[in-house]
Every structure is written in C-alpha cells, then in structure tokens.
C-alpha cells in the first residue's frame, strides 16, 4: 500500500532533508529523512523508505512537506500519524496521512512548489523567532523589490540563481508567481514555480535585497537573469528565513486542499 504524508518541521536542528547514511542504518545522521524513516519503520515494524516533494537544505523549514512511502503493515491512518509523530523529535511532526494510488510520486506528481522568505527589516536583530527570519537592518523598498521580481516570471533559464552544487540537468524553470510585500517590520517574499534549482529561492532573495537597499536599479534583476552568470547576482540569503509552504498536485491525487491545485 502506498501512503502520502504531510509533515511540518523546524529545520534549524537538522542537516537538511536528504539522508546522509545508508537506508536502514541504526545510526542517526542528522537528516530529516533519516528521522522520519526511522519513526515510520518503528510503526511498520519493518524498514520504510520515503520520497519527498522537494529536498530542503540545512536550516530550512516546511509547513507542509509531502512524502510518499510503501508498506504492507496493517495500520490505520491515525496510527501512521500519531505513532510516527510519537517517535519523532519535537521539531518534526506528521500532520496527515492519505492512501494514494501506486502510481503517485511525491516528487514527480507535483505540478508546483511554493516557498516563503521572511525578512525582519529593522535596525535591531531578532530575539524571538530568530530561527524563522532573515534580518536586514537597512531600510528596504519592498515595492521596488516586487517590481524587479516580475521580470522573473515565466519559463526562463535561471542559471544566474543556481548553486554551483546544483545537480539538475538543466536550469530552465517555470516561475509562476512571485510577490514581495511589506507587513509591518517584515518584508515577505512568496514564490511559486513548477520546480526550483538548488539555492534558487535564497539566491533570488539575496539579489532582491540589493535592489531593496537601493544598491541596484529595478531593471538590474532582468539583466542578471538574462546574463545567466551566478557571479553577477547577489549573495545567497541565510537559510533561516526560508519556509517550504508545500507542493501542489492535481485534484485526481486526492490529497488535502492545501496541496491541491
């Protein structure tokens, strides 16, 4: 039987999503995948491996990461949720469990992914919720950042915002939505695409910060995109402010509304 899980986590205490050790290893490796698979295996009383919708880096959080796994264990959805969560660290929890068709794949069935980046924009660094915020002490022009970001929409080559460690076969991605707004003393960037390159969102935010501070003009973002040169773009924004809101799937997958198109 194949199941899909919706999970949430504070990624600040983990090495990232991807398992670093071999499947079934008894030794913890600090990854979210290892922690989840160990907990699922306890409930199933057999080894369980998972596939996720989008691998997050160290320090990146998720509101609704989606994974799938296969198991012949006779367990109710409630048992998978509560039993697995009981065996997880307190910063990682299963929110829901849904039986899915054998053809469902958490990664390849997804049609979009959504991220949010929060920037605390004030002179004093954050004390509360600091693991969930980027910080910029200089005033930011959110309207200029939003205007610049619109040049990124559509199917484009995002080589300029791609990590040198990225293993994707090509840099073309379809950026479907990007919005930059100010909310009191925070500037919030929300972005949706069919998929993302390694560090792509953090590199986009790092470049938008230069525009927000007035160090680059609004049309500079389009120039960087067209140039396809990573060294010409801004720095990589810190991981703390990045939240994976979740993937989105076709209605036919039968998943909760928050991850359905």
C-alpha atoms as a PDB file:
ATOM      1  CA  UNK A   1       0.000   0.000   0.000  1.00  0.00           C
ATOM      2  CA  UNK A   2       1.258   3.487  -0.822  1.00  0.00           C
ATOM      3  CA  UNK A   3       0.643   6.417   1.501  1.00  0.00           C
ATOM      4  CA  UNK A   4       1.236  10.170   1.259  1.00  0.00           C
ATOM      5  CA  UNK A   5       2.139  12.118   4.388  1.00  0.00           C
ATOM      6  CA  UNK A   6       2.005  15.835   5.062  1.00  0.00           C
ATOM      7  CA  UNK A   7       4.731  16.811   7.504  1.00  0.00           C
ATOM      8  CA  UNK A   8       5.933  20.030   9.115  1.00  0.00           C
ATOM      9  CA  UNK A   9       9.308  20.793  10.632  1.00  0.00           C
ATOM     10  CA  UNK A  10      11.664  23.341  12.088  1.00  0.00           C
ATOM     11  CA  UNK A  11      14.775  22.609  10.055  1.00  0.00           C
ATOM     12  CA  UNK A  12      17.222  24.559  12.190  1.00  0.00           C
ATOM     13  CA  UNK A  13      18.410  21.478  14.083  1.00  0.00           C
ATOM     14  CA  UNK A  14      18.856  19.227  11.031  1.00  0.00           C
ATOM     15  CA  UNK A  15      21.456  18.801   8.298  1.00  0.00           C
ATOM     16  CA  UNK A  16      18.725  19.127   5.657  1.00  0.00           C
ATOM     17  CA  UNK A  17      16.169  16.756   4.189  1.00  0.00           C
ATOM     18  CA  UNK A  18      18.336  14.257   2.345  1.00  0.00           C
ATOM     19  CA  UNK A  19      19.527  11.136   4.128  1.00  0.00           C
ATOM     20  CA  UNK A  20      23.306  11.040   4.553  1.00  0.00           C
ATOM     21  CA  UNK A  21      23.651   7.426   5.725  1.00  0.00           C
ATOM     22  CA  UNK A  22      22.548   4.207   4.045  1.00  0.00           C
ATOM     23  CA  UNK A  23      18.836   3.237   4.288  1.00  0.00           C
ATOM     24  CA  UNK A  24      18.150   1.167   7.375  1.00  0.00           C
ATOM     25  CA  UNK A  25      21.187   2.444   9.262  1.00  0.00           C
ATOM     26  CA  UNK A  26      20.693   2.404  13.022  1.00  0.00           C
ATOM     27  CA  UNK A  27      22.888   5.462  13.419  1.00  0.00           C
ATOM     28  CA  UNK A  28      21.185   8.888  13.247  1.00  0.00           C
ATOM     29  CA  UNK A  29      22.716  11.127  10.594  1.00  0.00           C
ATOM     30  CA  UNK A  30      21.027  14.428  11.438  1.00  0.00           C
ATOM     31  CA  UNK A  31      18.801  14.466   8.349  1.00  0.00           C
ATOM     32  CA  UNK A  32      15.044  14.894   8.344  1.00  0.00           C
ATOM     33  CA  UNK A  33      14.648  11.922   6.013  1.00  0.00           C
ATOM     34  CA  UNK A  34      16.542   9.637   8.388  1.00  0.00           C
ATOM     35  CA  UNK A  35      14.475  10.792  11.384  1.00  0.00           C
ATOM     36  CA  UNK A  36      11.191  10.251   9.531  1.00  0.00           C
ATOM     37  CA  UNK A  37      12.136   6.882   8.088  1.00  0.00           C
ATOM     38  CA  UNK A  38      13.316   5.633  11.478  1.00  0.00           C
ATOM     39  CA  UNK A  39       9.985   6.628  13.039  1.00  0.00           C
ATOM     40  CA  UNK A  40       7.922   5.096  10.209  1.00  0.00           C
ATOM     41  CA  UNK A  41       9.944   1.888  10.409  1.00  0.00           C
ATOM     42  CA  UNK A  42       9.119   1.577  14.112  1.00  0.00           C
ATOM     43  CA  UNK A  43       5.406   1.874  13.376  1.00  0.00           C
ATOM     44  CA  UNK A  44       5.571  -0.525  10.431  1.00  0.00           C
ATOM     45  CA  UNK A  45       7.899  -2.921  12.281  1.00  0.00           C
ATOM     46  CA  UNK A  46       9.841  -3.104   9.016  1.00  0.00           C
ATOM     47  CA  UNK A  47      12.221  -0.830   7.062  1.00  0.00           C
ATOM     48  CA  UNK A  48      10.495   2.097   5.338  1.00  0.00           C
ATOM     49  CA  UNK A  49      11.976   4.473   2.775  1.00  0.00           C
ATOM     50  CA  UNK A  50      10.456   7.771   1.652  1.00  0.00           C
ATOM     51  CA  UNK A  51      10.413  10.106  -1.342  1.00  0.00           C
ATOM     52  CA  UNK A  52       9.744  13.812  -0.757  1.00  0.00           C
ATOM     53  CA  UNK A  53       8.273  16.570  -2.930  1.00  0.00           C
ATOM     54  CA  UNK A  54      11.258  18.883  -2.529  1.00  0.00           C
ATOM     55  CA  UNK A  55      14.548  18.442  -0.670  1.00  0.00           C
ATOM     56  CA  UNK A  56      15.209  21.316   1.720  1.00  0.00           C
ATOM     57  CA  UNK A  57      18.646  22.461   2.891  1.00  0.00           C
ATOM     58  CA  UNK A  58      20.001  22.677   6.417  1.00  0.00           C
ATOM     59  CA  UNK A  59      18.128  25.287   8.426  1.00  0.00           C
ATOM     60  CA  UNK A  60      15.159  25.486   6.017  1.00  0.00           C
ATOM     61  CA  UNK A  61      11.690  24.822   7.423  1.00  0.00           C
ATOM     62  CA  UNK A  62       8.500  23.311   5.986  1.00  0.00           C
ATOM     63  CA  UNK A  63       4.828  23.937   6.686  1.00  0.00           C
ATOM     64  CA  UNK A  64       3.633  21.007   4.555  1.00  0.00           C
ATOM     65  CA  UNK A  65       6.323  18.862   3.028  1.00  0.00           C
ATOM     66  CA  UNK A  66       4.766  15.869   1.247  1.00  0.00           C
ATOM     67  CA  UNK A  67       6.339  12.422   1.145  1.00  0.00           C
ATOM     68  CA  UNK A  68       5.214   9.012  -0.011  1.00  0.00           C
ATOM     69  CA  UNK A  69       6.151   5.554   1.217  1.00  0.00           C
ATOM     70  CA  UNK A  70       5.088   1.945   0.690  1.00  0.00           C
ATOM     71  CA  UNK A  71       4.196  -0.506   3.442  1.00  0.00           C
ATOM     72  CA  UNK A  72       2.303  -3.778   3.795  1.00  0.00           C
ATOM     73  CA  UNK A  73       1.749  -3.164   7.510  1.00  0.00           C
ATOM     74  CA  UNK A  74      -1.914  -3.082   8.516  1.00  0.00           C
ATOM     75  CA  UNK A  75      -2.143   0.317  10.181  1.00  0.00           C
ATOM     76  CA  UNK A  76      -4.885   2.947  10.226  1.00  0.00           C
ATOM     77  CA  UNK A  77      -4.207   6.473   9.007  1.00  0.00           C
ATOM     78  CA  UNK A  78      -4.493   7.637  12.613  1.00  0.00           C
ATOM     79  CA  UNK A  79      -1.860   5.090  13.657  1.00  0.00           C
ATOM     80  CA  UNK A  80       0.561   6.280  10.983  1.00  0.00           C
ATOM     81  CA  UNK A  81       0.072   9.895  12.087  1.00  0.00           C
ATOM     82  CA  UNK A  82       0.198   9.505  15.859  1.00  0.00           C
ATOM     83  CA  UNK A  83       2.571   6.538  16.030  1.00  0.00           C
ATOM     84  CA  UNK A  84       5.113   8.135  13.715  1.00  0.00           C
ATOM     85  CA  UNK A  85       4.937  11.534  15.404  1.00  0.00           C
ATOM     86  CA  UNK A  86       5.437   9.904  18.819  1.00  0.00           C
ATOM     87  CA  UNK A  87       8.800   8.593  17.580  1.00  0.00           C
ATOM     88  CA  UNK A  88       9.952  11.882  16.021  1.00  0.00           C
ATOM     89  CA  UNK A  89      11.949  14.768  17.501  1.00  0.00           C
ATOM     90  CA  UNK A  90       9.699  17.573  18.834  1.00  0.00           C
ATOM     91  CA  UNK A  91      10.539  19.808  15.846  1.00  0.00           C
ATOM     92  CA  UNK A  92       9.150  17.322  13.286  1.00  0.00           C
ATOM     93  CA  UNK A  93       5.531  16.128  13.078  1.00  0.00           C
ATOM     94  CA  UNK A  94       3.171  14.278  10.746  1.00  0.00           C
ATOM     95  CA  UNK A  95       0.048  16.344  10.005  1.00  0.00           C
ATOM     96  CA  UNK A  96      -1.951  13.976   7.817  1.00  0.00           C
ATOM     97  CA  UNK A  97      -1.826  10.608   6.069  1.00  0.00           C
ATOM     98  CA  UNK A  98      -3.724   9.656   2.884  1.00  0.00           C
ATOM     99  CA  UNK A  99      -3.706   6.341   0.965  1.00  0.00           C
ATOM    100  CA  UNK A 100      -2.792   7.014  -2.677  1.00  0.00           C
ATOM    101  CA  UNK A 101      -2.560   5.120  -5.949  1.00  0.00           C
ATOM    102  CA  UNK A 102       0.582   3.102  -6.584  1.00  0.00           C
ATOM    103  CA  UNK A 103       1.450   5.497  -9.423  1.00  0.00           C
ATOM    104  CA  UNK A 104       1.542   8.532  -7.113  1.00  0.00           C
ATOM    105  CA  UNK A 105       5.005  10.003  -6.603  1.00  0.00           C
ATOM    106  CA  UNK A 106       5.527  12.844  -4.129  1.00  0.00           C
ATOM    107  CA  UNK A 107       8.201  14.375  -6.352  1.00  0.00           C
ATOM    108  CA  UNK A 108       7.143  13.674  -9.915  1.00  0.00           C
ATOM    109  CA  UNK A 109       3.374  14.024  -9.442  1.00  0.00           C
ATOM    110  CA  UNK A 110       3.751  17.575  -8.079  1.00  0.00           C
ATOM    111  CA  UNK A 111       2.917  20.364 -10.518  1.00  0.00           C
ATOM    112  CA  UNK A 112       4.213  23.268  -8.415  1.00  0.00           C
ATOM    113  CA  UNK A 113       6.155  24.145  -5.266  1.00  0.00           C
ATOM    114  CA  UNK A 114       5.723  27.184  -3.037  1.00  0.00           C
ATOM    115  CA  UNK A 115       8.170  28.985  -0.753  1.00  0.00           C
ATOM    116  CA  UNK A 116       8.034  31.965   1.573  1.00  0.00           C
ATOM    117  CA  UNK A 117      11.009  34.020   2.765  1.00  0.00           C
ATOM    118  CA  UNK A 118      10.580  36.373   5.736  1.00  0.00           C
ATOM    119  CA  UNK A 119      12.975  39.276   6.297  1.00  0.00           C
ATOM    120  CA  UNK A 120      12.889  41.232   9.543  1.00  0.00           C
ATOM    121  CA  UNK A 121      13.616  44.777   8.405  1.00  0.00           C
ATOM    122  CA  UNK A 122      14.638  46.853  11.409  1.00  0.00           C
ATOM    123  CA  UNK A 123      17.852  48.110  12.948  1.00  0.00           C
ATOM    124  CA  UNK A 124      17.803  45.613  15.853  1.00  0.00           C
ATOM    125  CA  UNK A 125      18.393  41.925  15.206  1.00  0.00           C
ATOM    126  CA  UNK A 126      15.611  39.461  16.124  1.00  0.00           C
ATOM    127  CA  UNK A 127      15.397  37.955  19.582  1.00  0.00           C
ATOM    128  CA  UNK A 128      12.161  35.994  19.239  1.00  0.00           C
ATOM    129  CA  UNK A 129      11.637  33.565  16.332  1.00  0.00           C
ATOM    130  CA  UNK A 130      15.147  34.261  15.074  1.00  0.00           C
ATOM    131  CA  UNK A 131      15.393  30.756  13.534  1.00  0.00           C
ATOM    132  CA  UNK A 132      12.498  31.644  11.200  1.00  0.00           C
ATOM    133  CA  UNK A 133      13.706  35.036   9.989  1.00  0.00           C
ATOM    134  CA  UNK A 134      16.279  36.632   7.782  1.00  0.00           C
ATOM    135  CA  UNK A 135      17.405  40.049   9.024  1.00  0.00           C
ATOM    136  CA  UNK A 136      18.186  43.263   7.170  1.00  0.00           C
ATOM    137  CA  UNK A 137      18.995  46.359   9.288  1.00  0.00           C
ATOM    138  CA  UNK A 138      18.935  48.836   6.381  1.00  0.00           C
ATOM    139  CA  UNK A 139      15.562  50.117   5.097  1.00  0.00           C
ATOM    140  CA  UNK A 140      14.145  48.069   2.218  1.00  0.00           C
ATOM    141  CA  UNK A 141      11.919  49.297  -0.611  1.00  0.00           C
ATOM    142  CA  UNK A 142       9.517  46.364  -0.928  1.00  0.00           C
ATOM    143  CA  UNK A 143       7.728  47.955  -3.892  1.00  0.00           C
ATOM    144  CA  UNK A 144      10.980  48.140  -5.861  1.00  0.00           C
ATOM    145  CA  UNK A 145      11.764  44.525  -4.952  1.00  0.00           C
ATOM    146  CA  UNK A 146       8.326  43.424  -6.152  1.00  0.00           C
ATOM    147  CA  UNK A 147       8.633  45.329  -9.416  1.00  0.00           C
ATOM    148  CA  UNK A 148      12.070  43.845 -10.090  1.00  0.00           C
ATOM    149  CA  UNK A 149      10.882  40.317  -9.332  1.00  0.00           C
ATOM    150  CA  UNK A 150       8.206  40.406 -12.040  1.00  0.00           C
ATOM    151  CA  UNK A 151      10.936  40.130 -14.685  1.00  0.00           C
ATOM    152  CA  UNK A 152      11.491  36.556 -13.483  1.00  0.00           C
ATOM    153  CA  UNK A 153       8.023  35.261 -14.391  1.00  0.00           C
ATOM    154  CA  UNK A 154       7.579  32.557 -16.992  1.00  0.00           C
ATOM    155  CA  UNK A 155       9.747  29.724 -18.212  1.00  0.00           C
ATOM    156  CA  UNK A 156      13.283  31.022 -18.082  1.00  0.00           C
ATOM    157  CA  UNK A 157      16.885  29.912 -17.680  1.00  0.00           C
ATOM    158  CA  UNK A 158      17.749  30.560 -14.019  1.00  0.00           C
ATOM    159  CA  UNK A 159      21.471  29.776 -14.250  1.00  0.00           C
ATOM    160  CA  UNK A 160      22.245  33.121 -12.564  1.00  0.00           C
ATOM    161  CA  UNK A 161      20.436  31.957  -9.431  1.00  0.00           C
ATOM    162  CA  UNK A 162      21.693  28.378  -9.366  1.00  0.00           C
ATOM    163  CA  UNK A 163      24.113  26.952  -6.803  1.00  0.00           C
ATOM    164  CA  UNK A 164      27.392  25.564  -8.113  1.00  0.00           C
ATOM    165  CA  UNK A 165      26.449  22.329  -6.292  1.00  0.00           C
ATOM    166  CA  UNK A 166      23.149  22.030  -8.185  1.00  0.00           C
ATOM    167  CA  UNK A 167      22.749  18.607  -9.802  1.00  0.00           C
ATOM    168  CA  UNK A 168      19.770  19.429 -12.029  1.00  0.00           C
ATOM    169  CA  UNK A 169      20.248  18.507 -15.696  1.00  0.00           C
ATOM    170  CA  UNK A 170      19.200  21.991 -16.849  1.00  0.00           C
ATOM    171  CA  UNK A 171      18.384  25.403 -15.374  1.00  0.00           C
ATOM    172  CA  UNK A 172      15.040  26.088 -17.064  1.00  0.00           C
ATOM    173  CA  UNK A 173      12.177  26.534 -14.615  1.00  0.00           C
ATOM    174  CA  UNK A 174       8.683  27.996 -14.906  1.00  0.00           C
ATOM    175  CA  UNK A 175       8.268  30.719 -12.274  1.00  0.00           C
ATOM    176  CA  UNK A 176       4.503  31.043 -11.923  1.00  0.00           C
ATOM    177  CA  UNK A 177       4.179  33.657  -9.193  1.00  0.00           C
ATOM    178  CA  UNK A 178       6.417  35.927  -7.117  1.00  0.00           C
ATOM    179  CA  UNK A 179       5.201  38.560  -4.703  1.00  0.00           C
ATOM    180  CA  UNK A 180       7.065  40.922  -2.363  1.00  0.00           C
ATOM    181  CA  UNK A 181       5.104  42.788   0.302  1.00  0.00           C
ATOM    182  CA  UNK A 182       5.814  44.687   3.476  1.00  0.00           C
ATOM    183  CA  UNK A 183       3.959  43.592   6.610  1.00  0.00           C
ATOM    184  CA  UNK A 184       4.853  45.983   9.441  1.00  0.00           C
ATOM    185  CA  UNK A 185       8.570  45.460  10.081  1.00  0.00           C
ATOM    186  CA  UNK A 186       8.824  42.386   7.848  1.00  0.00           C
ATOM    187  CA  UNK A 187       9.340  42.098   4.098  1.00  0.00           C
ATOM    188  CA  UNK A 188       7.869  38.824   2.815  1.00  0.00           C
ATOM    189  CA  UNK A 189       8.743  37.151  -0.484  1.00  0.00           C
ATOM    190  CA  UNK A 190       6.416  34.403  -1.758  1.00  0.00           C
ATOM    191  CA  UNK A 191       7.236  32.426  -4.870  1.00  0.00           C
ATOM    192  CA  UNK A 192       5.747  29.509  -6.784  1.00  0.00           C
ATOM    193  CA  UNK A 193       7.294  27.540  -9.640  1.00  0.00           C
ATOM    194  CA  UNK A 194       6.974  24.138 -11.236  1.00  0.00           C
ATOM    195  CA  UNK A 195      10.294  23.289  -9.536  1.00  0.00           C
ATOM    196  CA  UNK A 196      13.351  25.037  -8.096  1.00  0.00           C
ATOM    197  CA  UNK A 197      17.094  24.755  -8.509  1.00  0.00           C
ATOM    198  CA  UNK A 198      19.446  24.287  -5.558  1.00  0.00           C
ATOM    199  CA  UNK A 199      19.542  27.544  -3.534  1.00  0.00           C
ATOM    200  CA  UNK A 200      17.402  29.239  -6.195  1.00  0.00           C
ATOM    201  CA  UNK A 201      14.978  30.970  -3.813  1.00  0.00           C
ATOM    202  CA  UNK A 202      17.722  32.120  -1.445  1.00  0.00           C
ATOM    203  CA  UNK A 203      19.756  33.443  -4.387  1.00  0.00           C
ATOM    204  CA  UNK A 204      16.735  35.322  -5.724  1.00  0.00           C
ATOM    205  CA  UNK A 205      16.147  36.877  -2.306  1.00  0.00           C
ATOM    206  CA  UNK A 206      19.813  37.817  -1.970  1.00  0.00           C
ATOM    207  CA  UNK A 207      19.623  39.687  -5.282  1.00  0.00           C
ATOM    208  CA  UNK A 208      16.312  41.363  -4.416  1.00  0.00           C
ATOM    209  CA  UNK A 209      17.860  42.659  -1.193  1.00  0.00           C
ATOM    210  CA  UNK A 210      20.410  44.639  -3.223  1.00  0.00           C
ATOM    211  CA  UNK A 211      17.529  46.301  -5.074  1.00  0.00           C
ATOM    212  CA  UNK A 212      15.584  46.874  -1.868  1.00  0.00           C
ATOM    213  CA  UNK A 213      18.572  48.668  -0.327  1.00  0.00           C
ATOM    214  CA  UNK A 214      18.920  50.864  -3.403  1.00  0.00           C
ATOM    215  CA  UNK A 215      22.283  49.396  -4.402  1.00  0.00           C
ATOM    216  CA  UNK A 216      20.937  48.208  -7.748  1.00  0.00           C
ATOM    217  CA  UNK A 217      18.163  49.577 -10.011  1.00  0.00           C
ATOM    218  CA  UNK A 218      14.890  47.736 -10.587  1.00  0.00           C
ATOM    219  CA  UNK A 219      15.861  46.634 -14.105  1.00  0.00           C
ATOM    220  CA  UNK A 220      19.076  45.029 -12.826  1.00  0.00           C
ATOM    221  CA  UNK A 221      17.207  41.815 -11.936  1.00  0.00           C
ATOM    222  CA  UNK A 222      16.281  41.251 -15.593  1.00  0.00           C
ATOM    223  CA  UNK A 223      19.870  41.902 -16.656  1.00  0.00           C
ATOM    224  CA  UNK A 224      21.197  39.322 -14.214  1.00  0.00           C
ATOM    225  CA  UNK A 225      18.632  36.747 -15.332  1.00  0.00           C
ATOM    226  CA  UNK A 226      19.495  37.259 -18.997  1.00  0.00           C
ATOM    227  CA  UNK A 227      23.235  37.125 -18.259  1.00  0.00           C
ATOM    228  CA  UNK A 228      22.978  33.607 -16.758  1.00  0.00           C
ATOM    229  CA  UNK A 229      26.097  34.274 -14.659  1.00  0.00           C
ATOM    230  CA  UNK A 230      25.850  33.294 -10.984  1.00  0.00           C
ATOM    231  CA  UNK A 231      28.798  35.538 -10.063  1.00  0.00           C
ATOM    232  CA  UNK A 232      26.880  38.601 -11.298  1.00  0.00           C
ATOM    233  CA  UNK A 233      23.910  38.012  -8.977  1.00  0.00           C
ATOM    234  CA  UNK A 234      23.556  38.810  -5.287  1.00  0.00           C
ATOM    235  CA  UNK A 235      24.678  36.641  -2.362  1.00  0.00           C
ATOM    236  CA  UNK A 236      22.771  33.642  -1.049  1.00  0.00           C
ATOM    237  CA  UNK A 237      20.309  34.742   1.655  1.00  0.00           C
ATOM    238  CA  UNK A 238      20.540  32.875   5.001  1.00  0.00           C
ATOM    239  CA  UNK A 239      18.542  29.660   5.306  1.00  0.00           C
ATOM    240  CA  UNK A 240      16.677  30.672   8.476  1.00  0.00           C
ATOM    241  CA  UNK A 241      14.114  32.864   6.720  1.00  0.00           C
ATOM    242  CA  UNK A 242      13.049  30.221   4.192  1.00  0.00           C
ATOM    243  CA  UNK A 243       9.867  28.183   4.615  1.00  0.00           C
ATOM    244  CA  UNK A 244       8.725  25.497   2.178  1.00  0.00           C
ATOM    245  CA  UNK A 245       4.977  26.081   2.095  1.00  0.00           C
ATOM    246  CA  UNK A 246       4.452  22.869   0.178  1.00  0.00           C
ATOM    247  CA  UNK A 247       3.891  21.327  -3.248  1.00  0.00           C
ATOM    248  CA  UNK A 248       0.692  21.292  -5.277  1.00  0.00           C
ATOM    249  CA  UNK A 249      -0.857  18.295  -7.029  1.00  0.00           C
ATOM    250  CA  UNK A 250      -3.718  17.636  -9.460  1.00  0.00           C
ATOM    251  CA  UNK A 251      -7.154  17.107  -7.909  1.00  0.00           C
ATOM    252  CA  UNK A 252      -7.080  13.473  -9.066  1.00  0.00           C
ATOM    253  CA  UNK A 253      -4.375  12.682  -6.486  1.00  0.00           C
ATOM    254  CA  UNK A 254      -6.967  13.059  -3.737  1.00  0.00           C
ATOM    255  CA  UNK A 255      -4.792  14.998  -1.298  1.00  0.00           C
ATOM    256  CA  UNK A 256      -5.857  17.757   1.163  1.00  0.00           C
ATOM    257  CA  UNK A 257      -6.826  21.153  -0.271  1.00  0.00           C
ATOM    258  CA  UNK A 258      -3.667  22.901   0.924  1.00  0.00           C
ATOM    259  CA  UNK A 259      -1.553  20.856  -1.525  1.00  0.00           C
ATOM    260  CA  UNK A 260      -4.063  20.650  -4.381  1.00  0.00           C
ATOM    261  CA  UNK A 261      -4.201  22.899  -7.443  1.00  0.00           C
END
